[in-house]
PDB file of all heavy atoms in Angstrom:
ATOM      1  N   ASN A   1       0.844  -1.187  -0.045  1.00  0.00           N
ATOM      2  CA  ASN A   1       0.000   0.003  -0.045  1.00  0.00           C
ATOM      3  C   ASN A   1       0.858   1.238  -0.006  1.00  0.00           C
ATOM      4  O   ASN A   1       1.809   1.314   0.752  1.00  0.00           O
ATOM      5  CB  ASN A   1      -0.946   0.081   1.174  1.00  0.00           C
ATOM      6  CG  ASN A   1      -2.103  -0.894   1.002  1.00  0.00           C
ATOM      7  OD1 ASN A   1      -2.302  -1.476  -0.069  1.00  0.00           O
ATOM      8  ND2 ASN A   1      -2.853  -1.101   2.096  1.00  0.00           N
ATOM      9  N   TYR A   2       0.682   2.197  -0.890  1.00  0.00           N
ATOM     10  CA  TYR A   2       1.491   3.226  -1.079  1.00  0.00           C
ATOM     11  C   TYR A   2       0.775   4.520  -1.453  1.00  0.00           C
ATOM     12  O   TYR A   2      -0.378   4.477  -1.857  1.00  0.00           O
ATOM     13  CB  TYR A   2       2.511   2.961  -2.165  1.00  0.00           C
ATOM     14  CG  TYR A   2       1.952   2.819  -3.529  1.00  0.00           C
ATOM     15  CD1 TYR A   2       1.817   3.897  -4.372  1.00  0.00           C
ATOM     16  CD2 TYR A   2       1.402   1.553  -3.978  1.00  0.00           C
ATOM     17  CE1 TYR A   2       1.151   3.775  -5.668  1.00  0.00           C
ATOM     18  CE2 TYR A   2       0.880   1.441  -5.230  1.00  0.00           C
ATOM     19  CZ  TYR A   2       0.691   2.516  -6.063  1.00  0.00           C
ATOM     20  OH  TYR A   2       0.089   2.374  -7.232  1.00  0.00           O
ATOM     21  N   ARG A   3       1.470   5.689  -1.319  1.00  0.00           N
ATOM     22  CA  ARG A   3       0.992   6.933  -1.843  1.00  0.00           C
ATOM     23  C   ARG A   3       2.184   7.613  -2.578  1.00  0.00           C
ATOM     24  O   ARG A   3       3.282   7.601  -1.999  1.00  0.00           O
ATOM     25  CB  ARG A   3       0.458   7.875  -0.710  1.00  0.00           C
ATOM     26  CG  ARG A   3      -0.761   7.436  -0.007  1.00  0.00           C
ATOM     27  CD  ARG A   3      -0.971   8.134   1.297  1.00  0.00           C
ATOM     28  NE  ARG A   3       0.089   7.721   2.309  1.00  0.00           N
ATOM     29  CZ  ARG A   3       0.696   8.567   3.127  1.00  0.00           C
ATOM     30  NH1 ARG A   3       0.368   9.917   3.162  1.00  0.00           N
ATOM     31  NH2 ARG A   3       1.584   8.166   3.959  1.00  0.00           N
ATOM     32  N   SER A   4       1.958   8.085  -3.790  1.00  0.00           N
ATOM     33  CA  SER A   4       2.993   8.616  -4.522  1.00  0.00           C
ATOM     34  C   SER A   4       2.541   9.861  -5.349  1.00  0.00           C
ATOM     35  O   SER A   4       1.380  10.042  -5.590  1.00  0.00           O
ATOM     36  CB  SER A   4       3.636   7.639  -5.532  1.00  0.00           C
ATOM     37  OG  SER A   4       2.726   7.235  -6.479  1.00  0.00           O
ATOM     38  N   VAL A   5       3.495  10.760  -5.605  1.00  0.00           N
ATOM     39  CA  VAL A   5       3.175  11.940  -6.447  1.00  0.00           C
ATOM     40  C   VAL A   5       4.312  11.963  -7.497  1.00  0.00           C
ATOM     41  O   VAL A   5       5.504  11.759  -7.198  1.00  0.00           O
ATOM     42  CB  VAL A   5       3.206  13.198  -5.659  1.00  0.00           C
ATOM     43  CG1 VAL A   5       3.409  14.479  -6.532  1.00  0.00           C
ATOM     44  CG2 VAL A   5       1.976  13.287  -4.796  1.00  0.00           C
ATOM     45  N   VAL A   6       3.879  12.300  -8.742  1.00  0.00           N
ATOM     46  CA  VAL A   6       4.775  12.514  -9.820  1.00  0.00           C
ATOM     47  C   VAL A   6       4.575  13.943 -10.427  1.00  0.00           C
ATOM     48  O   VAL A   6       3.420  14.243 -10.716  1.00  0.00           O
ATOM     49  CB  VAL A   6       4.662  11.425 -10.975  1.00  0.00           C
ATOM     50  CG1 VAL A   6       5.561  11.731 -12.136  1.00  0.00           C
ATOM     51  CG2 VAL A   6       4.952  10.024 -10.384  1.00  0.00           C
ATOM     52  N   VAL A   7       5.637  14.712 -10.521  1.00  0.00           N
ATOM     53  CA  VAL A   7       5.551  15.944 -11.097  1.00  0.00           C
ATOM     54  C   VAL A   7       6.441  16.110 -12.369  1.00  0.00           C
ATOM     55  O   VAL A   7       7.636  15.851 -12.305  1.00  0.00           O
ATOM     56  CB  VAL A   7       6.075  17.119 -10.124  1.00  0.00           C
ATOM     57  CG1 VAL A   7       5.802  18.460 -10.615  1.00  0.00           C
ATOM     58  CG2 VAL A   7       5.379  16.973  -8.666  1.00  0.00           C
ATOM     59  N   HIS A   8       5.830  16.490 -13.508  1.00  0.00           N
ATOM     60  CA  HIS A   8       6.600  16.780 -14.658  1.00  0.00           C
ATOM     61  C   HIS A   8       6.602  18.243 -14.889  1.00  0.00           C
ATOM     62  O   HIS A   8       5.710  19.047 -14.502  1.00  0.00           O
ATOM     63  CB  HIS A   8       5.806  16.198 -15.926  1.00  0.00           C
ATOM     64  CG  HIS A   8       5.774  14.729 -15.882  1.00  0.00           C
ATOM     65  ND1 HIS A   8       6.730  13.936 -16.268  1.00  0.00           N
ATOM     66  CD2 HIS A   8       4.786  13.852 -15.488  1.00  0.00           C
ATOM     67  CE1 HIS A   8       6.429  12.732 -16.216  1.00  0.00           C
ATOM     68  NE2 HIS A   8       5.181  12.622 -15.662  1.00  0.00           N
ATOM     69  N   GLY A   9       7.741  18.778 -15.392  1.00  0.00           N
ATOM     70  CA  GLY A   9       7.798  20.253 -15.679  1.00  0.00           C
ATOM     71  C   GLY A   9       9.221  20.671 -15.999  1.00  0.00           C
ATOM     72  O   GLY A   9      10.107  19.880 -16.224  1.00  0.00           O
ATOM     73  N   THR A  10       9.430  21.991 -15.962  1.00  0.00           N
ATOM     74  CA  THR A  10      10.695  22.635 -16.289  1.00  0.00           C
ATOM     75  C   THR A  10      11.196  23.292 -15.056  1.00  0.00           C
ATOM     76  O   THR A  10      10.448  24.101 -14.415  1.00  0.00           O
ATOM     77  CB  THR A  10      10.546  23.600 -17.437  1.00  0.00           C
ATOM     78  OG1 THR A  10       9.974  22.934 -18.617  1.00  0.00           O
ATOM     79  CG2 THR A  10      11.819  24.308 -17.790  1.00  0.00           C
ATOM     80  N   ALA A  11      12.348  22.965 -14.621  1.00  0.00           N
ATOM     81  CA  ALA A  11      13.000  23.516 -13.404  1.00  0.00           C
ATOM     82  C   ALA A  11      13.717  24.779 -13.792  1.00  0.00           C
ATOM     83  O   ALA A  11      14.477  24.808 -14.787  1.00  0.00           O
ATOM     84  CB  ALA A  11      13.913  22.595 -12.725  1.00  0.00           C
ATOM     85  N   TYR A  12      13.656  25.828 -12.947  1.00  0.00           N
ATOM     86  CA  TYR A  12      14.376  27.088 -13.175  1.00  0.00           C
ATOM     87  C   TYR A  12      15.238  27.432 -12.009  1.00  0.00           C
ATOM     88  O   TYR A  12      14.789  27.167 -10.858  1.00  0.00           O
ATOM     89  CB  TYR A  12      13.283  28.148 -13.459  1.00  0.00           C
ATOM     90  CG  TYR A  12      12.475  28.020 -14.618  1.00  0.00           C
ATOM     91  CD1 TYR A  12      11.143  27.370 -14.494  1.00  0.00           C
ATOM     92  CD2 TYR A  12      12.876  28.426 -15.849  1.00  0.00           C
ATOM     93  CE1 TYR A  12      10.442  27.168 -15.576  1.00  0.00           C
ATOM     94  CE2 TYR A  12      12.072  28.310 -17.036  1.00  0.00           C
ATOM     95  CZ  TYR A  12      10.858  27.685 -16.820  1.00  0.00           C
ATOM     96  OH  TYR A  12      10.041  27.504 -17.966  1.00  0.00           O
ATOM     97  N   GLU A  13      16.342  28.054 -12.208  1.00  0.00           N
ATOM     98  CA  GLU A  13      17.176  28.542 -11.212  1.00  0.00           C
ATOM     99  C   GLU A  13      16.534  29.747 -10.452  1.00  0.00           C
ATOM    100  O   GLU A  13      16.023  30.647 -11.201  1.00  0.00           O
ATOM    101  CB  GLU A  13      18.480  28.861 -11.671  1.00  0.00           C
ATOM    102  CG  GLU A  13      19.520  29.335 -10.570  1.00  0.00           C
ATOM    103  CD  GLU A  13      20.897  29.716 -11.104  1.00  0.00           C
ATOM    104  OE1 GLU A  13      21.039  29.893 -12.382  1.00  0.00           O
ATOM    105  OE2 GLU A  13      21.826  29.875 -10.340  1.00  0.00           O
ATOM    106  N   VAL A  14      16.541  29.703  -9.177  1.00  0.00           N
ATOM    107  CA  VAL A  14      15.979  30.909  -8.403  1.00  0.00           C
ATOM    108  C   VAL A  14      17.177  31.806  -8.143  1.00  0.00           C
ATOM    109  O   VAL A  14      18.134  31.473  -7.462  1.00  0.00           O
ATOM    110  CB  VAL A  14      15.377  30.403  -7.102  1.00  0.00           C
ATOM    111  CG1 VAL A  14      14.903  31.622  -6.307  1.00  0.00           C
ATOM    112  CG2 VAL A  14      14.245  29.498  -7.329  1.00  0.00           C
ATOM    113  N   THR A  15      16.993  33.117  -8.657  1.00  0.00           N
ATOM    114  CA  THR A  15      18.068  34.073  -8.542  1.00  0.00           C
ATOM    115  C   THR A  15      17.606  35.254  -7.655  1.00  0.00           C
ATOM    116  O   THR A  15      18.500  35.980  -7.132  1.00  0.00           O
ATOM    117  CB  THR A  15      18.499  34.635  -9.857  1.00  0.00           C
ATOM    118  OG1 THR A  15      17.319  35.128 -10.541  1.00  0.00           O
ATOM    119  CG2 THR A  15      19.160  33.558 -10.674  1.00  0.00           C
ATOM    120  N   ASP A  16      16.316  35.437  -7.518  1.00  0.00           N
ATOM    121  CA  ASP A  16      15.820  36.602  -6.670  1.00  0.00           C
ATOM    122  C   ASP A  16      16.205  36.297  -5.151  1.00  0.00           C
ATOM    123  O   ASP A  16      15.911  35.194  -4.626  1.00  0.00           O
ATOM    124  CB  ASP A  16      14.360  36.692  -6.733  1.00  0.00           C
ATOM    125  CG  ASP A  16      13.745  37.769  -5.848  1.00  0.00           C
ATOM    126  OD1 ASP A  16      13.923  38.921  -6.151  1.00  0.00           O
ATOM    127  OD2 ASP A  16      13.156  37.420  -4.782  1.00  0.00           O
ATOM    128  N   PRO A  17      16.917  37.225  -4.487  1.00  0.00           N
ATOM    129  CA  PRO A  17      17.306  36.951  -3.147  1.00  0.00           C
ATOM    130  C   PRO A  17      16.217  36.662  -2.135  1.00  0.00           C
ATOM    131  O   PRO A  17      16.415  35.751  -1.266  1.00  0.00           O
ATOM    132  CB  PRO A  17      18.058  38.285  -2.743  1.00  0.00           C
ATOM    133  CG  PRO A  17      18.481  38.916  -4.054  1.00  0.00           C
ATOM    134  CD  PRO A  17      17.382  38.530  -5.030  1.00  0.00           C
ATOM    135  N   GLU A  18      15.138  37.337  -2.295  1.00  0.00           N
ATOM    136  CA  GLU A  18      14.002  37.094  -1.322  1.00  0.00           C
ATOM    137  C   GLU A  18      13.420  35.788  -1.531  1.00  0.00           C
ATOM    138  O   GLU A  18      13.046  35.026  -0.573  1.00  0.00           O
ATOM    139  CB  GLU A  18      13.009  38.257  -1.485  1.00  0.00           C
ATOM    140  CG  GLU A  18      11.949  38.260  -0.385  1.00  0.00           C
ATOM    141  CD  GLU A  18      12.541  38.487   1.019  1.00  0.00           C
ATOM    142  OE1 GLU A  18      13.506  39.223   1.084  1.00  0.00           O
ATOM    143  OE2 GLU A  18      12.073  37.925   1.975  1.00  0.00           O
ATOM    144  N   GLU A  19      13.224  35.355  -2.774  1.00  0.00           N
ATOM    145  CA  GLU A  19      12.669  34.044  -3.119  1.00  0.00           C
ATOM    146  C   GLU A  19      13.631  32.985  -2.629  1.00  0.00           C
ATOM    147  O   GLU A  19      13.197  31.920  -2.146  1.00  0.00           O
ATOM    148  CB  GLU A  19      12.344  33.899  -4.589  1.00  0.00           C
ATOM    149  CG  GLU A  19      11.621  32.493  -4.849  1.00  0.00           C
ATOM    150  CD  GLU A  19      11.244  32.429  -6.323  1.00  0.00           C
ATOM    151  OE1 GLU A  19      11.674  33.320  -7.129  1.00  0.00           O
ATOM    152  OE2 GLU A  19      10.647  31.401  -6.631  1.00  0.00           O
ATOM    153  N   ARG A  20      14.964  33.131  -2.789  1.00  0.00           N
ATOM    154  CA  ARG A  20      15.904  32.228  -2.395  1.00  0.00           C
ATOM    155  C   ARG A  20      15.799  32.027  -0.884  1.00  0.00           C
ATOM    156  O   ARG A  20      15.846  30.816  -0.365  1.00  0.00           O
ATOM    157  CB  ARG A  20      17.319  32.650  -2.740  1.00  0.00           C
ATOM    158  CG  ARG A  20      17.705  32.357  -4.090  1.00  0.00           C
ATOM    159  CD  ARG A  20      18.929  33.124  -4.638  1.00  0.00           C
ATOM    160  NE  ARG A  20      20.086  32.802  -3.698  1.00  0.00           N
ATOM    161  CZ  ARG A  20      20.975  31.851  -3.712  1.00  0.00           C
ATOM    162  NH1 ARG A  20      20.692  30.901  -4.662  1.00  0.00           N
ATOM    163  NH2 ARG A  20      21.923  31.716  -3.008  1.00  0.00           N
ATOM    164  N   ARG A  21      15.691  33.058  -0.066  1.00  0.00           N
ATOM    165  CA  ARG A  21      15.609  32.919   1.390  1.00  0.00           C
ATOM    166  C   ARG A  21      14.254  32.210   1.750  1.00  0.00           C
ATOM    167  O   ARG A  21      14.275  31.345   2.684  1.00  0.00           O
ATOM    168  CB  ARG A  21      15.730  34.238   2.076  1.00  0.00           C
ATOM    169  CG  ARG A  21      17.073  34.865   1.950  1.00  0.00           C
ATOM    170  CD  ARG A  21      17.169  36.085   2.940  1.00  0.00           C
ATOM    171  NE  ARG A  21      18.495  36.577   2.943  1.00  0.00           N
ATOM    172  CZ  ARG A  21      19.554  36.050   3.628  1.00  0.00           C
ATOM    173  NH1 ARG A  21      19.421  35.081   4.403  1.00  0.00           N
ATOM    174  NH2 ARG A  21      20.778  36.697   3.528  1.00  0.00           N
ATOM    175  N   THR A  22      13.128  32.474   1.062  1.00  0.00           N
ATOM    176  CA  THR A  22      11.967  31.862   1.326  1.00  0.00           C
ATOM    177  C   THR A  22      12.100  30.378   1.025  1.00  0.00           C
ATOM    178  O   THR A  22      11.575  29.534   1.752  1.00  0.00           O
ATOM    179  CB  THR A  22      10.805  32.487   0.425  1.00  0.00           C
ATOM    180  OG1 THR A  22      10.633  33.854   0.804  1.00  0.00           O
ATOM    181  CG2 THR A  22       9.564  31.726   0.597  1.00  0.00           C
ATOM    182  N   ALA A  23      12.694  30.051  -0.065  1.00  0.00           N
ATOM    183  CA  ALA A  23      12.889  28.694  -0.393  1.00  0.00           C
ATOM    184  C   ALA A  23      13.729  27.899   0.541  1.00  0.00           C
ATOM    185  O   ALA A  23      13.394  26.792   0.893  1.00  0.00           O
ATOM    186  CB  ALA A  23      13.543  28.563  -1.838  1.00  0.00           C
ATOM    187  N   LEU A  24      14.829  28.496   0.966  1.00  0.00           N
ATOM    188  CA  LEU A  24      15.715  27.844   1.942  1.00  0.00           C
ATOM    189  C   LEU A  24      15.084  27.587   3.306  1.00  0.00           C
ATOM    190  O   LEU A  24      15.212  26.572   3.966  1.00  0.00           O
ATOM    191  CB  LEU A  24      17.002  28.618   2.102  1.00  0.00           C
ATOM    192  CG  LEU A  24      17.865  28.640   0.846  1.00  0.00           C
ATOM    193  CD1 LEU A  24      19.082  29.630   1.032  1.00  0.00           C
ATOM    194  CD2 LEU A  24      18.351  27.248   0.456  1.00  0.00           C
ATOM    195  N   ASP A  25      14.266  28.605   3.674  1.00  0.00           N
ATOM    196  CA  ASP A  25      13.531  28.467   4.998  1.00  0.00           C
ATOM    197  C   ASP A  25      12.498  27.339   4.831  1.00  0.00           C
ATOM    198  O   ASP A  25      12.304  26.456   5.734  1.00  0.00           O
ATOM    199  CB  ASP A  25      12.727  29.681   5.294  1.00  0.00           C
ATOM    200  CG  ASP A  25      13.625  30.785   5.926  1.00  0.00           C
ATOM    201  OD1 ASP A  25      14.804  30.500   6.274  1.00  0.00           O
ATOM    202  OD2 ASP A  25      13.189  31.982   5.969  1.00  0.00           O
ATOM    203  N   ALA A  26      11.772  27.174   3.615  1.00  0.00           N
ATOM    204  CA  ALA A  26      10.859  26.114   3.439  1.00  0.00           C
ATOM    205  C   ALA A  26      11.540  24.770   3.360  1.00  0.00           C
ATOM    206  O   ALA A  26      10.995  23.829   3.913  1.00  0.00           O
ATOM    207  CB  ALA A  26      10.184  26.438   2.061  1.00  0.00           C
ATOM    208  N   LEU A  27      12.748  24.658   2.906  1.00  0.00           N
ATOM    209  CA  LEU A  27      13.468  23.419   2.890  1.00  0.00           C
ATOM    210  C   LEU A  27      13.746  22.955   4.283  1.00  0.00           C
ATOM    211  O   LEU A  27      13.618  21.770   4.633  1.00  0.00           O
ATOM    212  CB  LEU A  27      14.779  23.511   2.083  1.00  0.00           C
ATOM    213  CG  LEU A  27      14.625  23.593   0.588  1.00  0.00           C
ATOM    214  CD1 LEU A  27      15.794  24.223  -0.073  1.00  0.00           C
ATOM    215  CD2 LEU A  27      14.542  22.119   0.033  1.00  0.00           C
ATOM    216  N   VAL A  28      14.153  23.904   5.148  1.00  0.00           N
ATOM    217  CA  VAL A  28      14.469  23.616   6.578  1.00  0.00           C
ATOM    218  C   VAL A  28      13.137  23.176   7.289  1.00  0.00           C
ATOM    219  O   VAL A  28      13.036  22.134   7.964  1.00  0.00           O
ATOM    220  CB  VAL A  28      15.128  24.738   7.308  1.00  0.00           C
ATOM    221  CG1 VAL A  28      15.297  24.416   8.788  1.00  0.00           C
ATOM    222  CG2 VAL A  28      16.520  25.011   6.705  1.00  0.00           C
ATOM    223  N   ASP A  29      12.130  23.977   7.106  1.00  0.00           N
ATOM    224  CA  ASP A  29      10.807  23.699   7.785  1.00  0.00           C
ATOM    225  C   ASP A  29      10.118  22.538   7.259  1.00  0.00           C
ATOM    226  O   ASP A  29       9.284  21.927   7.959  1.00  0.00           O
ATOM    227  CB  ASP A  29       9.900  24.886   7.659  1.00  0.00           C
ATOM    228  CG  ASP A  29      10.376  26.060   8.537  1.00  0.00           C
ATOM    229  OD1 ASP A  29      10.986  25.810   9.613  1.00  0.00           O
ATOM    230  OD2 ASP A  29      10.057  27.228   8.178  1.00  0.00           O
ATOM    231  N   HIS A  30      10.455  22.052   6.018  1.00  0.00           N
ATOM    232  CA  HIS A  30       9.848  20.831   5.566  1.00  0.00           C
ATOM    233  C   HIS A  30      10.309  19.573   6.267  1.00  0.00           C
ATOM    234  O   HIS A  30       9.492  18.664   6.506  1.00  0.00           O
ATOM    235  CB  HIS A  30      10.182  20.684   3.979  1.00  0.00           C
ATOM    236  CG  HIS A  30       9.606  19.447   3.379  1.00  0.00           C
ATOM    237  ND1 HIS A  30       8.325  19.469   2.883  1.00  0.00           N
ATOM    238  CD2 HIS A  30      10.167  18.221   3.154  1.00  0.00           C
ATOM    239  CE1 HIS A  30       8.066  18.229   2.371  1.00  0.00           C
ATOM    240  NE2 HIS A  30       9.203  17.456   2.539  1.00  0.00           N
TER     241      HIS A  30
END
């Protein structure tokens, strides 16, 4: 018994400083 998610798409580099900090905080809090 399992649960899975598959995401297809195009990945982009994050260069905006504010978005980068938001992303890094989200990675830690995840």
